[in-house]
Protein backbone atom coordinates (compact mmCIF):
# COMPACT_ATOMS: atom_id res chain seq x y z
CA UNK A 1 -1.94 -21.02 29.14
CA UNK A 2 -0.46 -19.40 25.83
CA UNK A 3 0.06 -16.05 25.84
CA UNK A 4 -2.50 -14.21 23.07
CA UNK A 5 -0.64 -11.17 21.27
CA UNK A 6 -2.73 -8.94 18.55
CA UNK A 7 -2.28 -5.70 16.70
CA UNK A 8 -6.83 -4.46 16.16
CA UNK A 9 -7.97 -1.42 14.35
CA UNK A 10 -8.35 1.32 16.34
CA UNK A 11 -11.91 1.46 17.80
CA UNK A 12 -13.86 4.69 19.65
CA UNK A 13 -13.60 3.19 22.77
CA UNK A 14 -9.85 3.32 22.45
CA UNK A 15 -9.94 7.29 22.26
CA UNK A 16 -9.34 8.04 26.03
CA UNK A 17 -6.56 5.63 26.21
CA UNK A 18 -4.92 6.84 23.45
CA UNK A 19 -5.04 10.58 24.92
CA UNK A 20 -3.22 9.35 27.92
CA UNK A 21 -0.51 7.55 26.29
CA UNK A 22 0.07 10.33 23.61
CA UNK A 23 0.62 12.89 26.30
CA UNK A 24 2.57 10.16 28.88
CA UNK A 25 6.31 12.11 29.17
CA UNK A 26 8.09 8.31 27.77
CA UNK A 27 5.59 8.40 24.67
CA UNK A 28 6.15 12.20 23.75
CA UNK A 29 9.84 12.62 24.79
CA UNK A 30 10.92 10.60 21.37
CA UNK A 31 7.59 12.27 19.48
CA UNK A 32 8.58 14.82 16.77
CA UNK A 33 5.51 17.24 17.89
CA UNK A 34 6.14 16.21 21.90
CA UNK A 35 3.92 19.34 23.20
CA UNK A 36 0.59 18.49 25.33
CA UNK A 37 -2.13 17.88 23.57
CA UNK A 38 -5.43 19.25 24.44
CA UNK A 39 -8.58 17.34 24.11
CA UNK A 40 -9.97 18.89 21.08
CA UNK A 41 -6.94 18.64 19.15
CA UNK A 42 -6.58 14.75 20.32
CA UNK A 43 -10.14 14.44 19.07
CA UNK A 44 -9.39 16.03 16.02
CA UNK A 45 -6.76 13.81 15.05
CA UNK A 46 -8.64 10.43 16.42
CA UNK A 47 -11.32 11.36 13.68
CA UNK A 48 -9.05 12.12 10.48
CA UNK A 49 -6.61 9.16 11.87
CA UNK A 50 -9.50 6.54 11.96
CA UNK A 51 -10.65 7.85 8.50
CA UNK A 52 -7.70 8.31 6.86
CA UNK A 53 -7.18 5.46 3.98
CA UNK A 54 -3.85 6.01 3.44
CA UNK A 55 -2.91 5.74 7.44
CA UNK A 56 -3.30 2.76 9.24
CA UNK A 57 -3.07 2.55 12.81
CA UNK A 58 -3.45 -0.69 14.94
CA UNK A 59 -3.61 -1.24 18.76
CA UNK A 60 -0.85 -4.17 20.28
CA UNK A 61 -3.02 -6.07 22.94
CA UNK A 62 -1.33 -8.99 25.19
CA UNK A 63 -3.91 -11.00 26.35
CA UNK A 64 -7.11 -8.41 25.38
CA UNK A 65 -4.55 -5.54 27.61
CA UNK A 66 -3.85 -2.41 25.39
CA UNK A 67 0.31 -2.52 25.61
CA UNK A 68 0.91 -0.04 22.47
CA UNK A 69 0.67 1.40 19.45
CA UNK A 70 1.71 1.07 15.63
CA UNK A 71 1.11 3.07 13.40
CA UNK A 72 1.70 3.43 9.47
CA UNK A 73 1.80 6.36 7.64
CA UNK A 74 2.16 7.68 3.97
CA UNK A 75 0.47 4.36 2.79
CA UNK A 76 1.67 4.61 -1.36
CA UNK A 77 0.07 1.26 -3.36
CA UNK A 78 1.86 2.47 -6.44
CA UNK A 79 4.81 1.86 -4.87
CA UNK A 80 4.30 -0.46 -2.29
CA UNK A 81 5.92 1.51 0.30
CA UNK A 82 4.79 3.07 3.80
CA UNK A 83 6.62 4.76 7.02
CA UNK A 84 5.82 3.38 10.11
CA UNK A 85 6.09 4.79 13.81
CA UNK A 86 4.98 2.77 17.20
CA UNK A 87 5.50 3.47 20.91
CA UNK A 88 4.29 1.42 23.92
CA UNK A 89 2.04 3.27 25.97
CA UNK A 90 1.37 1.02 29.01
CA UNK A 91 2.81 1.62 32.50
CA UNK A 92 4.44 -2.08 33.37
CA UNK A 93 4.74 -4.30 29.85
CA UNK A 94 6.02 -7.43 29.79
CA UNK A 95 9.44 -7.73 28.66
CA UNK A 96 9.84 -7.97 25.24
CA UNK A 97 6.18 -6.54 24.25
CA UNK A 98 8.15 -3.71 21.74
CA UNK A 99 9.92 -6.60 20.04
CA UNK A 100 6.73 -8.87 19.55
CA UNK A 101 4.83 -5.93 17.93
CA UNK A 102 7.15 -4.41 15.90
CA UNK A 103 7.74 -8.31 14.47
CA UNK A 104 3.79 -8.72 14.27
CA UNK A 105 3.55 -4.74 12.53
CA UNK A 106 5.93 -5.95 10.22
CA UNK A 107 4.04 -9.16 9.33
CA UNK A 108 1.22 -7.08 8.59
CA UNK A 109 2.58 -4.60 6.60
CA UNK A 110 4.17 -7.45 4.54
CA UNK A 111 1.72 -10.47 4.34
CA UNK A 112 -1.34 -8.10 5.09
CA UNK A 113 -0.96 -5.27 2.91
CA UNK A 114 1.60 -6.76 0.73
CA UNK A 115 3.75 -3.81 0.36
CA UNK A 116 7.06 -3.90 -0.31
CA UNK A 117 9.08 -1.13 1.73
CA UNK A 118 8.51 0.53 5.09
CA UNK A 119 10.56 3.00 6.42
CA UNK A 120 10.98 4.49 9.57
CA UNK A 121 12.78 7.58 11.07
CA UNK A 122 13.74 8.34 14.91
CA UNK A 123 15.89 11.01 16.38
CA UNK A 124 19.64 10.36 16.71
CA UNK A 125 19.74 10.15 20.11
CA UNK A 126 16.74 7.66 20.49
CA UNK A 127 19.15 4.96 21.15
CA UNK A 128 16.38 2.23 22.23
CA UNK A 129 14.59 2.84 18.61
CA UNK A 130 18.16 3.05 16.38
CA UNK A 131 18.89 -0.70 18.33
CA UNK A 132 15.05 -1.58 17.75
CA UNK A 133 15.31 -0.87 13.97
CA UNK A 134 18.71 -3.07 13.79
CA UNK A 135 17.32 -5.49 15.52
CA UNK A 136 14.40 -5.94 13.25
CA UNK A 137 16.85 -6.14 10.69
CA UNK A 138 16.49 -2.60 9.00
CA UNK A 139 19.61 -0.93 7.47
CA UNK A 140 20.22 3.03 7.58
CA UNK A 141 19.37 4.81 4.24
CA UNK A 142 19.96 8.12 5.67
CA UNK A 143 21.08 10.83 8.04
CA UNK A 144 19.33 14.36 8.43
CA UNK A 145 21.60 16.83 10.26
CA UNK A 146 19.58 19.59 11.66
CA UNK A 147 16.21 18.72 10.45
CA UNK A 148 13.86 18.95 13.43
CA UNK A 149 13.27 22.08 15.20
CA UNK A 150 12.06 20.57 18.38
CA UNK A 151 12.12 22.31 22.08
CA UNK A 152 13.97 25.56 20.28
CA UNK A 153 16.69 23.40 18.85
CA UNK A 154 17.11 20.99 15.32
CA UNK A 155 17.92 17.35 15.88
CA UNK A 156 19.25 14.79 13.45
CA UNK A 157 16.91 12.44 12.17
CA UNK A 158 18.27 8.78 10.70
CA UNK A 159 15.76 7.23 8.26
CA UNK A 160 15.56 3.38 8.84
CA UNK A 161 14.14 1.04 5.62
CA UNK A 162 13.49 -3.10 5.35
CA UNK A 163 12.61 -4.68 1.68
CA UNK A 164 9.99 -7.36 2.22
CA UNK A 165 12.66 -9.65 0.56
CA UNK A 166 14.97 -9.24 3.16
CA UNK A 167 12.09 -9.76 5.94
CA UNK A 168 11.68 -13.17 4.82
CA UNK A 169 15.66 -14.08 4.32
CA UNK A 170 15.32 -12.92 8.65
CA UNK A 171 11.67 -13.44 9.88
CA UNK A 172 11.95 -17.19 11.43
CA UNK A 173 15.87 -15.95 12.56
CA UNK A 174 14.28 -13.11 14.12
CA UNK A 175 11.29 -14.85 15.69
CA UNK A 176 13.73 -17.38 17.43
CA UNK A 177 14.96 -14.51 19.01
CA UNK A 178 12.18 -12.54 19.77
CA UNK A 179 10.04 -15.50 20.76
CA UNK A 180 12.38 -18.27 22.03
CA UNK A 181 10.83 -20.10 19.12
CA UNK A 182 10.18 -20.91 15.54
CA UNK A 183 7.28 -19.08 14.54
CA UNK A 184 4.27 -19.97 11.98
CA UNK A 185 4.45 -18.60 8.88
CA UNK A 186 1.27 -17.48 8.82
CA UNK A 187 0.08 -14.54 11.74
CA UNK A 188 -3.39 -13.65 10.28
CA UNK A 189 -4.46 -14.79 13.58
CA UNK A 190 -3.42 -11.71 15.31
CA UNK A 191 -4.23 -9.15 12.68
């Protein structure tokens, strides 16, 4: 049986799941805002997230089981650019889940939304996110020294960028590494 991967829009039924994921230590450790979130705060965030047209949130599923979240913020359709973020929330995700989610996310950004550039950021101590971005073809575009204050300490931020034309050149090779086989040009059934 073939594994089915999918990015789908959030629904009201995802609210409890995301509350638990956002408050889990493994997710909070790498977020800009890493405090425990109250239910009321989460409800306000969820309502604003679902209704904001400048952001897109997609739940990543493997065989209909929620595994992670990918989100696009500051979507600018004049300049055709956005920021992205992501996390795996499931306790025991299948190996390679993050890479698959990232691959589908980039296809969604470039093929479904027709954007030109996606930017990402992470703390300089987040070596897993740095490797993740680089494996997907991102280039370092900036280094912001002592940029975000977290827990009373200023942390450095690395900014990455990937352009549509660069993704188009590297997509098949990256897909072969992630999936172990040739990837279809059109994955629209996944989102």
